[in-house]
N, C-alpha and C. Protein backbone atom coordinates (compact mmCIF):
# COMPACT_ATOMS: atom_id res chain seq x y z
N MET A 1 8.97 -11.72 -40.18
CA MET A 1 10.06 -11.69 -39.21
C MET A 1 9.61 -10.96 -37.95
N SER A 2 10.00 -11.48 -36.83
CA SER A 2 9.61 -10.89 -35.55
C SER A 2 10.40 -9.61 -35.29
N ASN A 3 9.76 -8.66 -34.60
CA ASN A 3 10.42 -7.42 -34.24
C ASN A 3 11.18 -7.53 -32.93
N THR A 4 11.14 -8.67 -32.29
CA THR A 4 11.79 -8.83 -30.99
C THR A 4 13.30 -8.78 -31.16
N LYS A 5 13.93 -7.90 -30.40
CA LYS A 5 15.39 -7.76 -30.46
C LYS A 5 16.05 -8.45 -29.28
N TYR A 6 15.52 -8.25 -28.06
CA TYR A 6 16.09 -8.85 -26.87
C TYR A 6 14.99 -9.48 -26.02
N ILE A 7 15.34 -10.56 -25.36
CA ILE A 7 14.48 -11.18 -24.37
C ILE A 7 15.13 -10.87 -23.02
N LEU A 8 14.37 -10.25 -22.13
CA LEU A 8 14.91 -9.81 -20.84
C LEU A 8 14.29 -10.63 -19.72
N GLY A 9 15.13 -11.29 -18.95
CA GLY A 9 14.68 -12.00 -17.77
C GLY A 9 15.03 -11.18 -16.55
N SER A 10 14.03 -10.83 -15.76
CA SER A 10 14.22 -9.98 -14.59
C SER A 10 14.16 -10.84 -13.34
N PHE A 11 15.21 -10.75 -12.51
CA PHE A 11 15.32 -11.55 -11.29
C PHE A 11 15.38 -10.63 -10.08
N ALA A 12 14.86 -11.11 -8.95
CA ALA A 12 14.90 -10.34 -7.71
C ALA A 12 16.12 -10.69 -6.86
N ASP A 13 16.77 -11.82 -7.17
CA ASP A 13 17.89 -12.31 -6.37
C ASP A 13 19.08 -12.63 -7.27
N PRO A 14 20.29 -12.25 -6.89
CA PRO A 14 21.45 -12.54 -7.75
C PRO A 14 21.74 -14.03 -7.89
N ASP A 15 21.44 -14.82 -6.87
CA ASP A 15 21.68 -16.26 -6.97
C ASP A 15 20.75 -16.90 -7.99
N GLU A 16 19.52 -16.42 -8.05
CA GLU A 16 18.59 -16.93 -9.07
C GLU A 16 19.06 -16.54 -10.46
N MET A 17 19.61 -15.33 -10.60
CA MET A 17 20.13 -14.91 -11.90
C MET A 17 21.30 -15.79 -12.32
N MET A 18 22.19 -16.11 -11.38
CA MET A 18 23.32 -16.99 -11.70
C MET A 18 22.84 -18.38 -12.09
N ASP A 19 21.77 -18.85 -11.44
CA ASP A 19 21.18 -20.13 -11.82
C ASP A 19 20.58 -20.03 -13.23
N GLY A 20 19.97 -18.90 -13.54
CA GLY A 20 19.42 -18.69 -14.88
C GLY A 20 20.51 -18.70 -15.94
N ILE A 21 21.66 -18.11 -15.63
CA ILE A 21 22.79 -18.13 -16.57
C ILE A 21 23.24 -19.56 -16.80
N ASP A 22 23.34 -20.36 -15.72
CA ASP A 22 23.74 -21.76 -15.85
C ASP A 22 22.76 -22.54 -16.71
N ARG A 23 21.47 -22.34 -16.48
CA ARG A 23 20.45 -23.07 -17.26
C ARG A 23 20.50 -22.68 -18.73
N LEU A 24 20.65 -21.41 -19.01
CA LEU A 24 20.70 -20.96 -20.41
C LEU A 24 21.95 -21.51 -21.10
N GLN A 25 23.09 -21.46 -20.43
CA GLN A 25 24.31 -21.96 -21.04
C GLN A 25 24.30 -23.47 -21.20
N ALA A 26 23.61 -24.18 -20.31
CA ALA A 26 23.49 -25.64 -20.45
C ALA A 26 22.69 -26.01 -21.70
N ASN A 27 21.81 -25.12 -22.15
CA ASN A 27 21.01 -25.36 -23.35
C ASN A 27 21.58 -24.63 -24.57
N ASN A 28 22.84 -24.21 -24.50
CA ASN A 28 23.55 -23.53 -25.60
C ASN A 28 22.84 -22.28 -26.09
N ILE A 29 22.32 -21.51 -25.17
CA ILE A 29 21.68 -20.25 -25.50
C ILE A 29 22.66 -19.14 -25.15
N SER A 30 22.99 -18.33 -26.16
CA SER A 30 23.98 -17.27 -25.94
C SER A 30 23.33 -16.08 -25.23
N ILE A 31 24.05 -15.56 -24.25
CA ILE A 31 23.57 -14.43 -23.45
C ILE A 31 24.24 -13.17 -23.98
N TYR A 32 23.43 -12.15 -24.25
CA TYR A 32 23.98 -10.88 -24.74
C TYR A 32 24.73 -10.15 -23.62
N ASP A 33 24.06 -9.94 -22.49
CA ASP A 33 24.69 -9.23 -21.38
C ASP A 33 23.83 -9.38 -20.13
N CYS A 34 24.41 -9.04 -18.98
CA CYS A 34 23.67 -9.02 -17.72
C CYS A 34 23.80 -7.62 -17.13
N PHE A 35 22.71 -7.14 -16.55
CA PHE A 35 22.69 -5.81 -15.94
C PHE A 35 22.28 -5.97 -14.49
N THR A 36 23.12 -5.47 -13.58
CA THR A 36 22.88 -5.64 -12.15
C THR A 36 23.06 -4.31 -11.43
N PRO A 37 22.36 -4.13 -10.32
CA PRO A 37 22.51 -2.88 -9.56
C PRO A 37 23.78 -2.84 -8.71
N MET A 38 24.49 -3.97 -8.62
CA MET A 38 25.71 -4.02 -7.82
C MET A 38 26.65 -5.04 -8.47
N PRO A 39 27.93 -4.97 -8.17
CA PRO A 39 28.86 -5.96 -8.72
C PRO A 39 28.57 -7.36 -8.15
N ILE A 40 28.68 -8.36 -9.00
CA ILE A 40 28.47 -9.75 -8.58
C ILE A 40 29.75 -10.52 -8.86
N HIS A 41 30.31 -11.10 -7.82
CA HIS A 41 31.57 -11.81 -7.93
C HIS A 41 31.39 -13.06 -8.80
N GLY A 42 32.26 -13.21 -9.80
CA GLY A 42 32.27 -14.41 -10.62
C GLY A 42 31.42 -14.35 -11.88
N ILE A 43 30.68 -13.27 -12.08
CA ILE A 43 29.80 -13.22 -13.25
C ILE A 43 30.60 -13.06 -14.54
N GLU A 44 31.75 -12.38 -14.48
CA GLU A 44 32.56 -12.19 -15.68
C GLU A 44 33.07 -13.52 -16.20
N ALA A 45 33.55 -14.36 -15.30
CA ALA A 45 34.06 -15.67 -15.70
C ALA A 45 32.94 -16.55 -16.25
N LYS A 46 31.78 -16.45 -15.64
CA LYS A 46 30.65 -17.27 -16.08
C LYS A 46 30.17 -16.86 -17.47
N LEU A 47 30.21 -15.56 -17.76
CA LEU A 47 29.77 -15.07 -19.07
C LEU A 47 30.88 -15.12 -20.11
N GLY A 48 32.11 -15.39 -19.68
CA GLY A 48 33.23 -15.47 -20.62
C GLY A 48 33.75 -14.11 -21.06
N VAL A 49 33.67 -13.12 -20.16
CA VAL A 49 34.17 -11.78 -20.48
C VAL A 49 35.69 -11.81 -20.44
N LYS A 50 36.31 -11.28 -21.50
CA LYS A 50 37.77 -11.25 -21.57
C LYS A 50 38.31 -10.18 -20.62
N PRO A 51 39.54 -10.37 -20.14
CA PRO A 51 40.15 -9.35 -19.27
C PRO A 51 40.33 -8.03 -20.04
N SER A 52 40.27 -6.95 -19.32
CA SER A 52 40.40 -5.62 -19.92
C SER A 52 41.80 -5.39 -20.46
N ARG A 53 41.88 -4.65 -21.57
CA ARG A 53 43.18 -4.28 -22.12
C ARG A 53 43.56 -2.86 -21.71
N LEU A 54 42.85 -2.30 -20.75
CA LEU A 54 43.14 -0.95 -20.28
C LEU A 54 44.55 -0.83 -19.68
N PRO A 55 45.09 -1.84 -18.99
CA PRO A 55 46.47 -1.72 -18.50
C PRO A 55 47.50 -1.56 -19.62
N ILE A 56 47.24 -2.15 -20.78
CA ILE A 56 48.16 -1.98 -21.91
C ILE A 56 48.13 -0.53 -22.37
N ALA A 57 46.94 0.05 -22.46
CA ALA A 57 46.83 1.46 -22.83
C ALA A 57 47.49 2.34 -21.79
N ALA A 58 47.35 1.99 -20.51
CA ALA A 58 47.99 2.77 -19.45
C ALA A 58 49.51 2.75 -19.59
N PHE A 59 50.06 1.59 -19.91
CA PHE A 59 51.51 1.49 -20.10
C PHE A 59 51.96 2.34 -21.29
N CYS A 60 51.21 2.29 -22.38
CA CYS A 60 51.56 3.07 -23.57
C CYS A 60 51.49 4.57 -23.28
N PHE A 61 50.44 5.01 -22.61
CA PHE A 61 50.33 6.43 -22.28
C PHE A 61 51.39 6.85 -21.27
N GLY A 62 51.74 5.98 -20.34
CA GLY A 62 52.81 6.28 -19.38
C GLY A 62 54.15 6.41 -20.09
N GLY A 63 54.44 5.51 -21.04
CA GLY A 63 55.68 5.61 -21.81
C GLY A 63 55.73 6.89 -22.64
N LEU A 64 54.57 7.26 -23.22
CA LEU A 64 54.50 8.51 -23.97
C LEU A 64 54.76 9.70 -23.05
N GLY A 65 54.17 9.69 -21.85
CA GLY A 65 54.40 10.76 -20.89
C GLY A 65 55.85 10.84 -20.45
N LEU A 66 56.48 9.69 -20.26
CA LEU A 66 57.90 9.66 -19.90
C LEU A 66 58.75 10.30 -20.99
N MET A 67 58.48 9.91 -22.24
CA MET A 67 59.27 10.47 -23.35
C MET A 67 59.00 11.97 -23.53
N LEU A 68 57.75 12.38 -23.42
CA LEU A 68 57.43 13.80 -23.59
C LEU A 68 58.02 14.64 -22.46
N GLY A 69 57.92 14.15 -21.23
CA GLY A 69 58.48 14.89 -20.10
C GLY A 69 59.99 15.05 -20.20
N PHE A 70 60.66 13.95 -20.53
CA PHE A 70 62.12 14.03 -20.66
C PHE A 70 62.51 14.89 -21.86
N SER A 71 61.79 14.75 -22.97
CA SER A 71 62.09 15.55 -24.16
C SER A 71 61.90 17.04 -23.90
N LEU A 72 60.84 17.39 -23.17
CA LEU A 72 60.61 18.80 -22.84
C LEU A 72 61.77 19.35 -22.02
N LEU A 73 62.19 18.62 -21.01
CA LEU A 73 63.29 19.10 -20.17
C LEU A 73 64.61 19.14 -20.94
N TYR A 74 64.87 18.14 -21.76
CA TYR A 74 66.10 18.13 -22.54
C TYR A 74 66.12 19.32 -23.49
N PHE A 75 64.99 19.54 -24.18
CA PHE A 75 64.95 20.65 -25.15
C PHE A 75 65.14 22.00 -24.47
N THR A 76 64.45 22.22 -23.37
CA THR A 76 64.52 23.54 -22.73
C THR A 76 65.82 23.75 -21.96
N MET A 77 66.37 22.71 -21.34
CA MET A 77 67.54 22.89 -20.47
C MET A 77 68.87 22.68 -21.19
N SER A 78 68.90 21.82 -22.21
CA SER A 78 70.17 21.48 -22.83
C SER A 78 70.31 21.97 -24.26
N TYR A 79 69.24 21.97 -25.01
CA TYR A 79 69.34 22.27 -26.44
C TYR A 79 69.00 23.72 -26.76
N ASP A 80 67.84 24.16 -26.32
CA ASP A 80 67.37 25.49 -26.71
C ASP A 80 68.05 26.61 -25.93
N TRP A 81 68.19 26.47 -24.62
CA TRP A 81 68.72 27.56 -23.80
C TRP A 81 69.61 26.98 -22.70
N PRO A 82 70.78 26.44 -23.09
CA PRO A 82 71.65 25.89 -22.04
C PRO A 82 72.27 27.01 -21.20
N MET A 83 72.27 26.80 -19.89
CA MET A 83 72.85 27.79 -18.99
C MET A 83 73.89 27.12 -18.10
N ASN A 84 74.99 27.81 -17.89
CA ASN A 84 76.02 27.33 -16.99
C ASN A 84 75.79 28.00 -15.64
N ILE A 85 75.22 27.25 -14.72
CA ILE A 85 74.92 27.80 -13.40
C ILE A 85 75.84 27.12 -12.41
N GLY A 86 76.84 27.83 -11.96
CA GLY A 86 77.76 27.32 -10.95
C GLY A 86 78.57 26.13 -11.41
N GLY A 87 78.79 25.99 -12.71
CA GLY A 87 79.57 24.88 -13.22
C GLY A 87 78.83 23.55 -13.27
N LYS A 88 77.54 23.56 -13.02
CA LYS A 88 76.75 22.32 -13.06
C LYS A 88 76.48 21.94 -14.52
N PRO A 89 76.27 20.66 -14.79
CA PRO A 89 76.00 20.25 -16.18
C PRO A 89 74.65 20.80 -16.65
N SER A 90 74.54 20.98 -17.96
CA SER A 90 73.30 21.52 -18.51
C SER A 90 72.20 20.47 -18.56
N MET A 91 72.56 19.20 -18.41
CA MET A 91 71.55 18.13 -18.42
C MET A 91 71.67 17.29 -17.15
N PRO A 92 71.20 17.82 -16.02
CA PRO A 92 71.31 17.07 -14.75
C PRO A 92 70.16 16.06 -14.63
N LEU A 93 70.41 14.80 -14.92
CA LEU A 93 69.37 13.77 -14.94
C LEU A 93 68.63 13.61 -13.61
N PRO A 94 69.28 13.64 -12.46
CA PRO A 94 68.51 13.50 -11.22
C PRO A 94 67.49 14.63 -11.03
N ASN A 95 67.79 15.80 -11.54
CA ASN A 95 66.83 16.91 -11.41
C ASN A 95 65.65 16.76 -12.36
N PHE A 96 65.78 15.93 -13.36
CA PHE A 96 64.68 15.72 -14.33
C PHE A 96 63.63 14.76 -13.79
N VAL A 97 63.95 13.99 -12.77
CA VAL A 97 63.06 12.93 -12.29
C VAL A 97 61.68 13.44 -11.84
N PRO A 98 61.57 14.48 -11.00
CA PRO A 98 60.24 14.88 -10.54
C PRO A 98 59.31 15.34 -11.67
N VAL A 99 59.83 16.17 -12.57
CA VAL A 99 58.97 16.66 -13.66
C VAL A 99 58.60 15.52 -14.60
N THR A 100 59.56 14.68 -14.93
CA THR A 100 59.28 13.54 -15.81
C THR A 100 58.26 12.61 -15.18
N PHE A 101 58.38 12.35 -13.90
CA PHE A 101 57.42 11.50 -13.19
C PHE A 101 56.02 12.10 -13.24
N GLU A 102 55.91 13.39 -12.97
CA GLU A 102 54.60 14.04 -12.95
C GLU A 102 53.94 14.03 -14.33
N VAL A 103 54.71 14.28 -15.37
CA VAL A 103 54.15 14.26 -16.74
C VAL A 103 53.73 12.84 -17.10
N THR A 104 54.51 11.85 -16.67
CA THR A 104 54.16 10.45 -16.93
C THR A 104 52.82 10.11 -16.28
N ILE A 105 52.64 10.46 -15.03
CA ILE A 105 51.40 10.16 -14.31
C ILE A 105 50.22 10.92 -14.92
N LEU A 106 50.45 12.19 -15.27
CA LEU A 106 49.38 13.00 -15.87
C LEU A 106 48.89 12.41 -17.18
N LEU A 107 49.81 12.11 -18.09
CA LEU A 107 49.39 11.56 -19.38
C LEU A 107 48.81 10.16 -19.25
N CYS A 108 49.32 9.37 -18.32
CA CYS A 108 48.77 8.04 -18.09
C CYS A 108 47.32 8.13 -17.61
N ALA A 109 47.06 8.99 -16.66
CA ALA A 109 45.69 9.13 -16.13
C ALA A 109 44.74 9.69 -17.18
N LEU A 110 45.13 10.75 -17.85
CA LEU A 110 44.26 11.34 -18.87
C LEU A 110 44.03 10.38 -20.03
N GLY A 111 45.07 9.66 -20.42
CA GLY A 111 44.94 8.69 -21.51
C GLY A 111 44.03 7.54 -21.14
N MET A 112 44.11 7.07 -19.90
CA MET A 112 43.23 5.97 -19.46
C MET A 112 41.77 6.42 -19.44
N VAL A 113 41.51 7.62 -18.97
CA VAL A 113 40.14 8.13 -18.95
C VAL A 113 39.61 8.25 -20.38
N ALA A 114 40.41 8.83 -21.28
CA ALA A 114 39.98 8.97 -22.67
C ALA A 114 39.75 7.61 -23.32
N THR A 115 40.63 6.65 -23.07
CA THR A 115 40.48 5.31 -23.63
C THR A 115 39.23 4.63 -23.08
N PHE A 116 38.97 4.78 -21.78
CA PHE A 116 37.77 4.19 -21.18
C PHE A 116 36.51 4.76 -21.82
N PHE A 117 36.44 6.09 -21.96
CA PHE A 117 35.27 6.70 -22.58
C PHE A 117 35.12 6.27 -24.03
N PHE A 118 36.21 6.22 -24.77
CA PHE A 118 36.15 5.83 -26.18
C PHE A 118 35.72 4.38 -26.32
N ARG A 119 36.29 3.49 -25.52
CA ARG A 119 36.00 2.06 -25.63
C ARG A 119 34.56 1.73 -25.24
N ASN A 120 34.00 2.47 -24.30
CA ASN A 120 32.64 2.21 -23.84
C ASN A 120 31.60 3.10 -24.50
N HIS A 121 32.00 3.85 -25.50
CA HIS A 121 31.10 4.73 -26.26
C HIS A 121 30.36 5.70 -25.35
N LEU A 122 31.09 6.30 -24.43
CA LEU A 122 30.51 7.28 -23.52
C LEU A 122 30.85 8.69 -23.99
N PHE A 123 30.22 9.09 -25.06
CA PHE A 123 30.49 10.39 -25.63
C PHE A 123 29.45 11.39 -25.14
N PRO A 124 29.81 12.67 -25.08
CA PRO A 124 28.82 13.68 -24.67
C PRO A 124 27.64 13.70 -25.65
N GLY A 125 26.44 13.74 -25.10
CA GLY A 125 25.24 13.79 -25.92
C GLY A 125 24.72 12.44 -26.37
N ARG A 126 25.39 11.36 -26.02
CA ARG A 126 24.93 10.03 -26.42
C ARG A 126 23.81 9.59 -25.49
N ALA A 127 22.76 9.09 -26.09
CA ALA A 127 21.63 8.60 -25.30
C ALA A 127 22.04 7.30 -24.61
N PRO A 128 21.72 7.14 -23.33
CA PRO A 128 22.11 5.91 -22.64
C PRO A 128 21.30 4.71 -23.13
N ARG A 129 21.97 3.56 -23.18
CA ARG A 129 21.32 2.32 -23.58
C ARG A 129 20.87 1.61 -22.30
N VAL A 130 19.59 1.69 -22.03
CA VAL A 130 19.05 1.09 -20.82
C VAL A 130 18.05 0.02 -21.23
N MET A 131 18.33 -1.22 -20.85
CA MET A 131 17.41 -2.31 -21.18
C MET A 131 16.16 -2.27 -20.30
N ASP A 132 16.38 -2.07 -19.01
CA ASP A 132 15.29 -2.04 -18.05
C ASP A 132 15.71 -1.09 -16.93
N LEU A 133 14.87 -0.11 -16.63
CA LEU A 133 15.23 0.90 -15.63
C LEU A 133 15.42 0.30 -14.24
N ARG A 134 14.76 -0.80 -13.95
CA ARG A 134 14.89 -1.40 -12.63
C ARG A 134 16.24 -2.07 -12.40
N ALA A 135 17.05 -2.23 -13.46
CA ALA A 135 18.37 -2.83 -13.32
C ALA A 135 19.31 -1.93 -12.53
N THR A 136 18.98 -0.66 -12.42
CA THR A 136 19.81 0.24 -11.62
C THR A 136 19.29 0.36 -10.19
N ASP A 137 18.18 -0.30 -9.89
CA ASP A 137 17.57 -0.16 -8.57
C ASP A 137 17.59 -1.48 -7.79
N ASP A 138 16.78 -2.44 -8.23
CA ASP A 138 16.63 -3.65 -7.42
C ASP A 138 16.47 -4.93 -8.23
N ARG A 139 16.65 -4.89 -9.52
CA ARG A 139 16.46 -6.08 -10.35
C ARG A 139 17.77 -6.51 -11.01
N PHE A 140 17.87 -7.78 -11.30
CA PHE A 140 19.02 -8.37 -11.97
C PHE A 140 18.51 -8.87 -13.32
N ILE A 141 19.06 -8.33 -14.41
CA ILE A 141 18.52 -8.57 -15.74
C ILE A 141 19.49 -9.41 -16.55
N ILE A 142 18.95 -10.43 -17.21
CA ILE A 142 19.69 -11.18 -18.23
C ILE A 142 19.09 -10.80 -19.56
N ALA A 143 19.93 -10.30 -20.47
CA ALA A 143 19.49 -9.93 -21.82
C ALA A 143 19.98 -10.99 -22.79
N ILE A 144 19.06 -11.52 -23.58
CA ILE A 144 19.36 -12.56 -24.55
C ILE A 144 19.00 -12.01 -25.92
N ASP A 145 19.93 -12.12 -26.86
CA ASP A 145 19.68 -11.64 -28.22
C ASP A 145 18.68 -12.58 -28.89
N ALA A 146 17.51 -12.07 -29.21
CA ALA A 146 16.44 -12.90 -29.77
C ALA A 146 16.74 -13.32 -31.20
N ARG A 147 17.54 -12.56 -31.91
CA ARG A 147 17.85 -12.91 -33.30
C ARG A 147 18.80 -14.09 -33.39
N ASP A 148 19.68 -14.25 -32.38
CA ASP A 148 20.62 -15.38 -32.38
C ASP A 148 20.00 -16.66 -31.84
N ASN A 149 18.93 -16.55 -31.09
CA ASN A 149 18.28 -17.70 -30.45
C ASN A 149 16.84 -17.78 -30.92
N ALA A 150 16.50 -18.82 -31.68
CA ALA A 150 15.20 -18.90 -32.32
C ALA A 150 14.09 -19.41 -31.40
N ASN A 151 14.42 -20.28 -30.45
CA ASN A 151 13.39 -20.90 -29.62
C ASN A 151 13.05 -20.00 -28.42
N HIS A 152 12.13 -19.08 -28.63
CA HIS A 152 11.78 -18.12 -27.59
C HIS A 152 11.00 -18.76 -26.45
N GLU A 153 10.21 -19.79 -26.74
CA GLU A 153 9.45 -20.46 -25.68
C GLU A 153 10.38 -21.18 -24.70
N LEU A 154 11.42 -21.81 -25.24
CA LEU A 154 12.38 -22.50 -24.39
C LEU A 154 13.09 -21.49 -23.48
N ILE A 155 13.48 -20.37 -24.04
CA ILE A 155 14.15 -19.34 -23.24
C ILE A 155 13.22 -18.83 -22.15
N ASP A 156 11.96 -18.58 -22.51
CA ASP A 156 10.97 -18.10 -21.55
C ASP A 156 10.81 -19.11 -20.41
N ASN A 157 10.69 -20.39 -20.74
CA ASN A 157 10.52 -21.44 -19.72
C ASN A 157 11.76 -21.57 -18.84
N LEU A 158 12.96 -21.52 -19.44
CA LEU A 158 14.19 -21.65 -18.65
C LEU A 158 14.33 -20.48 -17.67
N LEU A 159 14.01 -19.27 -18.12
CA LEU A 159 14.11 -18.11 -17.24
C LEU A 159 13.11 -18.21 -16.08
N LYS A 160 11.89 -18.65 -16.37
CA LYS A 160 10.88 -18.78 -15.31
C LYS A 160 11.22 -19.91 -14.35
N GLU A 161 11.80 -21.01 -14.85
CA GLU A 161 12.22 -22.10 -13.97
C GLU A 161 13.34 -21.66 -13.04
N ALA A 162 14.20 -20.76 -13.53
CA ALA A 162 15.31 -20.28 -12.71
C ALA A 162 14.87 -19.26 -11.67
N GLY A 163 13.64 -18.78 -11.76
CA GLY A 163 13.13 -17.85 -10.76
C GLY A 163 12.93 -16.43 -11.26
N ALA A 164 12.80 -16.26 -12.57
CA ALA A 164 12.59 -14.92 -13.11
C ALA A 164 11.24 -14.38 -12.66
N VAL A 165 11.26 -13.16 -12.18
CA VAL A 165 10.04 -12.49 -11.76
C VAL A 165 9.22 -12.09 -12.98
N GLU A 166 9.92 -11.69 -14.03
CA GLU A 166 9.26 -11.21 -15.23
C GLU A 166 10.14 -11.52 -16.44
N VAL A 167 9.52 -11.86 -17.56
CA VAL A 167 10.21 -12.04 -18.83
C VAL A 167 9.58 -11.08 -19.82
N LYS A 168 10.40 -10.18 -20.36
CA LYS A 168 9.90 -9.18 -21.30
C LYS A 168 10.57 -9.38 -22.65
N TYR A 169 9.86 -8.94 -23.68
CA TYR A 169 10.39 -8.97 -25.04
C TYR A 169 10.58 -7.53 -25.49
N ASN A 170 11.85 -7.13 -25.63
CA ASN A 170 12.17 -5.79 -26.11
C ASN A 170 12.05 -5.79 -27.63
N GLU A 171 11.36 -4.81 -28.17
CA GLU A 171 11.20 -4.76 -29.61
C GLU A 171 11.99 -3.61 -30.20
N ARG A 172 12.32 -3.77 -31.48
CA ARG A 172 13.04 -2.73 -32.19
C ARG A 172 12.14 -1.53 -32.39
N LYS A 173 12.78 -0.40 -32.38
CA LYS A 173 12.06 0.84 -32.68
C LYS A 173 12.45 1.28 -34.08
N TYR A 174 11.56 1.11 -35.04
CA TYR A 174 11.84 1.54 -36.39
C TYR A 174 11.50 3.01 -36.53
N VAL A 175 12.41 3.75 -37.15
CA VAL A 175 12.19 5.17 -37.34
C VAL A 175 11.52 5.37 -38.70
N SER A 176 10.41 6.05 -38.70
CA SER A 176 9.69 6.30 -39.94
C SER A 176 9.90 7.76 -40.35
N TYR A 177 10.31 7.95 -41.58
CA TYR A 177 10.56 9.30 -42.09
C TYR A 177 9.44 9.77 -42.99
N GLU A 178 8.25 9.26 -42.81
CA GLU A 178 7.12 9.64 -43.66
C GLU A 178 6.43 10.86 -43.14
C-alpha cells in the first residue's frame, strides 16, 4: 500500500486553479480542499461547500443571553429584593431593555467565538495543519485525497494540463515507538 495521503497541485494563478478544479471534477475526482492566500469568489459553490450554521448558533446564544439577562433582572429587582421607590412598580420592563440587550449581545458574541473555535478545531496548543507553506504567500493549492482516488497518473496529468507549477505527493508520517 502506498504511503501517499494527499496529492497537492500548486498553482501560481487563481484562474488556473479554478480550471484545475473543473478538470478534476469533470473526471469525477474528489477534491479534499483548496488552500489560497486570499479569498476567491465562487470557490465555495464550485467545491460544494455547505453554508455555515454559525447564524443558528448565534440565534441560540442570543436567545440564551436574552433569557439570562431578563432572569437576572427579574430575580434581583422583583423576587429577591423588591423595593418600592416612589410608588414605581418593582418590575419596570422598559428599564430592563438596556441590560437585557447588552447581555444578549455579549453572550451571542462570546458564544459565536467559542463555536467557531470548537467547530474549526482551533484549540490552544494544537499544531497547525499546513499542506504547503506557500499557500499562505503566493501559491494556490488543490489537495486531493490519494486514498479516495486510485489513478494518481491521471490526477498528475490533469493538474499539469490545468497549469500546475508543481505537483507534490504528501506522505503519511508514521510514529514509531521503538
